[in-house]
Amino acid sequence: MDKRTLRKLHRFIAPIIFIPLFATAFTGITYRVAKSWFGASDKVGHLLMYIHQGTFLGKELRVFYVLLNGLGLIAMLISGIVMTGIFRKKPIQD
Protein backbone atom coordinates (compact mmCIF):
# COMPACT_ATOMS: atom_id res chain seq x y z
CA MET A 1 0.00 0.00 0.00
CA ASP A 2 1.43 3.34 -0.97
CA LYS A 3 1.92 6.17 1.48
CA ARG A 4 -0.90 8.35 0.17
CA THR A 5 -3.49 5.56 0.39
CA LEU A 6 -2.35 4.66 3.89
CA ARG A 7 -2.70 8.26 5.05
CA LYS A 8 -6.19 8.51 3.56
CA LEU A 9 -7.21 5.29 5.25
CA HIS A 10 -5.76 6.44 8.59
CA ARG A 11 -7.46 9.83 8.25
CA PHE A 12 -10.79 8.14 7.46
CA ILE A 13 -10.68 5.60 10.30
CA ALA A 14 -9.30 7.89 13.03
CA PRO A 15 -12.44 9.99 13.69
CA ILE A 16 -14.66 6.89 13.62
CA ILE A 17 -12.60 4.94 16.14
CA PHE A 18 -11.80 7.91 18.37
CA ILE A 19 -15.04 8.03 20.38
CA PRO A 20 -15.21 4.31 21.30
CA LEU A 21 -11.49 4.20 22.12
CA PHE A 22 -11.69 7.37 24.17
CA ALA A 23 -14.76 6.11 26.05
CA THR A 24 -13.05 2.80 26.80
CA ALA A 25 -9.79 4.38 27.92
CA PHE A 26 -11.43 7.16 29.93
CA THR A 27 -13.86 4.90 31.77
CA GLY A 28 -11.17 2.28 32.43
CA ILE A 29 -8.77 4.82 33.92
CA THR A 30 -11.53 6.59 35.82
CA TYR A 31 -12.76 3.29 37.27
CA ARG A 32 -9.34 2.27 38.54
CA VAL A 33 -8.47 5.71 39.96
CA ALA A 34 -11.91 6.23 41.52
CA LYS A 35 -11.91 2.81 43.20
CA SER A 36 -8.27 2.83 44.35
CA TRP A 37 -7.72 6.45 45.37
CA PHE A 38 -11.15 7.77 46.16
CA GLY A 39 -12.99 4.65 47.32
CA ALA A 40 -15.81 5.10 44.82
CA SER A 41 -19.02 3.24 45.50
CA ASP A 42 -19.97 0.03 43.71
CA LYS A 43 -22.73 1.97 41.96
CA VAL A 44 -20.21 4.32 40.34
CA GLY A 45 -17.95 1.39 39.49
CA HIS A 46 -20.83 -0.48 37.89
CA LEU A 47 -21.76 2.55 35.75
CA LEU A 48 -18.18 3.00 34.56
CA MET A 49 -17.81 -0.71 33.72
CA TYR A 50 -21.19 -0.61 31.96
CA ILE A 51 -19.77 1.96 29.55
CA HIS A 52 -16.23 0.54 29.47
CA GLN A 53 -17.31 -2.95 28.42
CA GLY A 54 -19.99 -1.85 25.96
CA THR A 55 -22.77 -3.47 27.98
CA PHE A 56 -25.12 -0.66 26.92
CA LEU A 57 -25.21 -2.22 23.44
CA GLY A 58 -26.74 -5.47 24.66
CA LYS A 59 -25.40 -8.99 24.89
CA GLU A 60 -25.07 -9.60 21.13
CA LEU A 61 -23.48 -6.30 20.07
CA ARG A 62 -21.12 -6.09 23.05
CA VAL A 63 -18.81 -8.66 21.46
CA PHE A 64 -18.61 -6.63 18.26
CA TYR A 65 -17.94 -3.43 20.22
CA VAL A 66 -14.96 -5.01 21.95
CA LEU A 67 -13.73 -6.67 18.75
CA LEU A 68 -13.99 -3.55 16.60
CA ASN A 69 -12.48 -1.42 19.36
CA GLY A 70 -9.44 -3.69 19.52
CA LEU A 71 -9.08 -4.03 15.75
CA GLY A 72 -9.46 -0.27 15.33
CA LEU A 73 -6.73 0.37 17.87
CA ILE A 74 -4.41 -2.11 16.16
CA ALA A 75 -5.14 -0.57 12.75
CA MET A 76 -4.41 2.94 14.04
CA LEU A 77 -1.18 1.81 15.69
CA ILE A 78 0.11 -0.06 12.65
CA SER A 79 -0.81 2.63 10.13
CA GLY A 80 0.61 5.34 12.39
CA ILE A 81 3.88 3.49 12.93
CA VAL A 82 4.25 2.72 9.23
CA MET A 83 3.65 6.38 8.36
CA THR A 84 6.50 7.45 10.63
CA GLY A 85 8.91 5.62 8.34
CA ILE A 86 10.70 4.02 11.25
CA PHE A 87 11.00 0.69 9.41
CA ARG A 88 12.12 2.15 6.08
CA LYS A 89 15.47 1.00 4.84
CA LYS A 90 17.97 3.79 4.95
CA PRO A 91 20.94 3.94 2.63
CA ILE A 92 24.30 3.21 4.26
CA GLN A 93 26.43 6.33 4.34
CA ASP A 94 30.21 6.28 4.66
C-alpha atoms as a PDB file:
ATOM      1  CA  MET A   1       0.000   0.000   0.000  1.00  0.00           C
ATOM      2  CA  ASP A   2       1.434   3.335  -0.972  1.00  0.00           C
ATOM      3  CA  LYS A   3       1.924   6.174   1.480  1.00  0.00           C
ATOM      4  CA  ARG A   4      -0.904   8.351   0.170  1.00  0.00           C
ATOM      5  CA  THR A   5      -3.494   5.559   0.388  1.00  0.00           C
ATOM      6  CA  LEU A   6      -2.347   4.659   3.889  1.00  0.00           C
ATOM      7  CA  ARG A   7      -2.699   8.259   5.050  1.00  0.00           C
ATOM      8  CA  LYS A   8      -6.188   8.515   3.558  1.00  0.00           C
ATOM      9  CA  LEU A   9      -7.212   5.290   5.254  1.00  0.00           C
ATOM     10  CA  HIS A  10      -5.759   6.441   8.590  1.00  0.00           C
ATOM     11  CA  ARG A  11      -7.461   9.830   8.249  1.00  0.00           C
ATOM     12  CA  PHE A  12     -10.793   8.144   7.460  1.00  0.00           C
ATOM     13  CA  ILE A  13     -10.681   5.598  10.305  1.00  0.00           C
ATOM     14  CA  ALA A  14      -9.302   7.889  13.034  1.00  0.00           C
ATOM     15  CA  PRO A  15     -12.445   9.988  13.686  1.00  0.00           C
ATOM     16  CA  ILE A  16     -14.659   6.888  13.616  1.00  0.00           C
ATOM     17  CA  ILE A  17     -12.596   4.940  16.139  1.00  0.00           C
ATOM     18  CA  PHE A  18     -11.805   7.913  18.373  1.00  0.00           C
ATOM     19  CA  ILE A  19     -15.044   8.026  20.379  1.00  0.00           C
ATOM     20  CA  PRO A  20     -15.211   4.308  21.300  1.00  0.00           C
ATOM     21  CA  LEU A  21     -11.488   4.199  22.116  1.00  0.00           C
ATOM     22  CA  PHE A  22     -11.691   7.371  24.171  1.00  0.00           C
ATOM     23  CA  ALA A  23     -14.763   6.112  26.045  1.00  0.00           C
ATOM     24  CA  THR A  24     -13.052   2.800  26.798  1.00  0.00           C
ATOM     25  CA  ALA A  25      -9.790   4.383  27.917  1.00  0.00           C
ATOM     26  CA  PHE A  26     -11.432   7.160  29.928  1.00  0.00           C
ATOM     27  CA  THR A  27     -13.863   4.901  31.771  1.00  0.00           C
ATOM     28  CA  GLY A  28     -11.172   2.282  32.432  1.00  0.00           C
ATOM     29  CA  ILE A  29      -8.774   4.816  33.918  1.00  0.00           C
ATOM     30  CA  THR A  30     -11.533   6.586  35.822  1.00  0.00           C
ATOM     31  CA  TYR A  31     -12.764   3.288  37.266  1.00  0.00           C
ATOM     32  CA  ARG A  32      -9.339   2.270  38.542  1.00  0.00           C
ATOM     33  CA  VAL A  33      -8.467   5.706  39.964  1.00  0.00           C
ATOM     34  CA  ALA A  34     -11.908   6.234  41.523  1.00  0.00           C
ATOM     35  CA  LYS A  35     -11.906   2.815  43.199  1.00  0.00           C
ATOM     36  CA  SER A  36      -8.271   2.832  44.347  1.00  0.00           C
ATOM     37  CA  TRP A  37      -7.722   6.445  45.368  1.00  0.00           C
ATOM     38  CA  PHE A  38     -11.153   7.771  46.164  1.00  0.00           C
ATOM     39  CA  GLY A  39     -12.994   4.646  47.321  1.00  0.00           C
ATOM     40  CA  ALA A  40     -15.811   5.103  44.821  1.00  0.00           C
ATOM     41  CA  SER A  41     -19.018   3.236  45.500  1.00  0.00           C
ATOM     42  CA  ASP A  42     -19.967   0.033  43.711  1.00  0.00           C
ATOM     43  CA  LYS A  43     -22.732   1.967  41.960  1.00  0.00           C
ATOM     44  CA  VAL A  44     -20.207   4.317  40.341  1.00  0.00           C
ATOM     45  CA  GLY A  45     -17.949   1.389  39.488  1.00  0.00           C
ATOM     46  CA  HIS A  46     -20.832  -0.479  37.891  1.00  0.00           C
ATOM     47  CA  LEU A  47     -21.757   2.546  35.755  1.00  0.00           C
ATOM     48  CA  LEU A  48     -18.177   2.999  34.555  1.00  0.00           C
ATOM     49  CA  MET A  49     -17.814  -0.709  33.718  1.00  0.00           C
ATOM     50  CA  TYR A  50     -21.191  -0.612  31.959  1.00  0.00           C
ATOM     51  CA  ILE A  51     -19.770   1.958  29.546  1.00  0.00           C
ATOM     52  CA  HIS A  52     -16.229   0.537  29.471  1.00  0.00           C
ATOM     53  CA  GLN A  53     -17.307  -2.948  28.421  1.00  0.00           C
ATOM     54  CA  GLY A  54     -19.989  -1.850  25.961  1.00  0.00           C
ATOM     55  CA  THR A  55     -22.768  -3.469  27.975  1.00  0.00           C
ATOM     56  CA  PHE A  56     -25.124  -0.659  26.920  1.00  0.00           C
ATOM     57  CA  LEU A  57     -25.215  -2.223  23.437  1.00  0.00           C
ATOM     58  CA  GLY A  58     -26.740  -5.470  24.656  1.00  0.00           C
ATOM     59  CA  LYS A  59     -25.401  -8.986  24.886  1.00  0.00           C
ATOM     60  CA  GLU A  60     -25.072  -9.596  21.128  1.00  0.00           C
ATOM     61  CA  LEU A  61     -23.479  -6.299  20.075  1.00  0.00           C
ATOM     62  CA  ARG A  62     -21.124  -6.092  23.048  1.00  0.00           C
ATOM     63  CA  VAL A  63     -18.809  -8.660  21.457  1.00  0.00           C
ATOM     64  CA  PHE A  64     -18.611  -6.626  18.257  1.00  0.00           C
ATOM     65  CA  TYR A  65     -17.938  -3.433  20.222  1.00  0.00           C
ATOM     66  CA  VAL A  66     -14.957  -5.009  21.952  1.00  0.00           C
ATOM     67  CA  LEU A  67     -13.727  -6.675  18.748  1.00  0.00           C
ATOM     68  CA  LEU A  68     -13.994  -3.552  16.604  1.00  0.00           C
ATOM     69  CA  ASN A  69     -12.484  -1.419  19.355  1.00  0.00           C
ATOM     70  CA  GLY A  70      -9.442  -3.689  19.518  1.00  0.00           C
ATOM     71  CA  LEU A  71      -9.080  -4.029  15.749  1.00  0.00           C
ATOM     72  CA  GLY A  72      -9.465  -0.274  15.328  1.00  0.00           C
ATOM     73  CA  LEU A  73      -6.731   0.369  17.869  1.00  0.00           C
ATOM     74  CA  ILE A  74      -4.407  -2.112  16.160  1.00  0.00           C
ATOM     75  CA  ALA A  75      -5.137  -0.565  12.746  1.00  0.00           C
ATOM     76  CA  MET A  76      -4.415   2.942  14.044  1.00  0.00           C
ATOM     77  CA  LEU A  77      -1.175   1.809  15.686  1.00  0.00           C
ATOM     78  CA  ILE A  78       0.105  -0.064  12.645  1.00  0.00           C
ATOM     79  CA  SER A  79      -0.805   2.628  10.134  1.00  0.00           C
ATOM     80  CA  GLY A  80       0.609   5.344  12.394  1.00  0.00           C
ATOM     81  CA  ILE A  81       3.880   3.492  12.932  1.00  0.00           C
ATOM     82  CA  VAL A  82       4.252   2.717   9.226  1.00  0.00           C
ATOM     83  CA  MET A  83       3.652   6.379   8.357  1.00  0.00           C
ATOM     84  CA  THR A  84       6.496   7.450  10.632  1.00  0.00           C
ATOM     85  CA  GLY A  85       8.907   5.621   8.338  1.00  0.00           C
ATOM     86  CA  ILE A  86      10.701   4.016  11.254  1.00  0.00           C
ATOM     87  CA  PHE A  87      10.997   0.694   9.406  1.00  0.00           C
ATOM     88  CA  ARG A  88      12.117   2.151   6.080  1.00  0.00           C
ATOM     89  CA  LYS A  89      15.467   1.000   4.838  1.00  0.00           C
ATOM     90  CA  LYS A  90      17.975   3.789   4.952  1.00  0.00           C
ATOM     91  CA  PRO A  91      20.940   3.939   2.625  1.00  0.00           C
ATOM     92  CA  ILE A  92      24.301   3.208   4.265  1.00  0.00           C
ATOM     93  CA  GLN A  93      26.434   6.327   4.338  1.00  0.00           C
ATOM     94  CA  ASP A  94      30.211   6.282   4.660  1.00  0.00           C
END
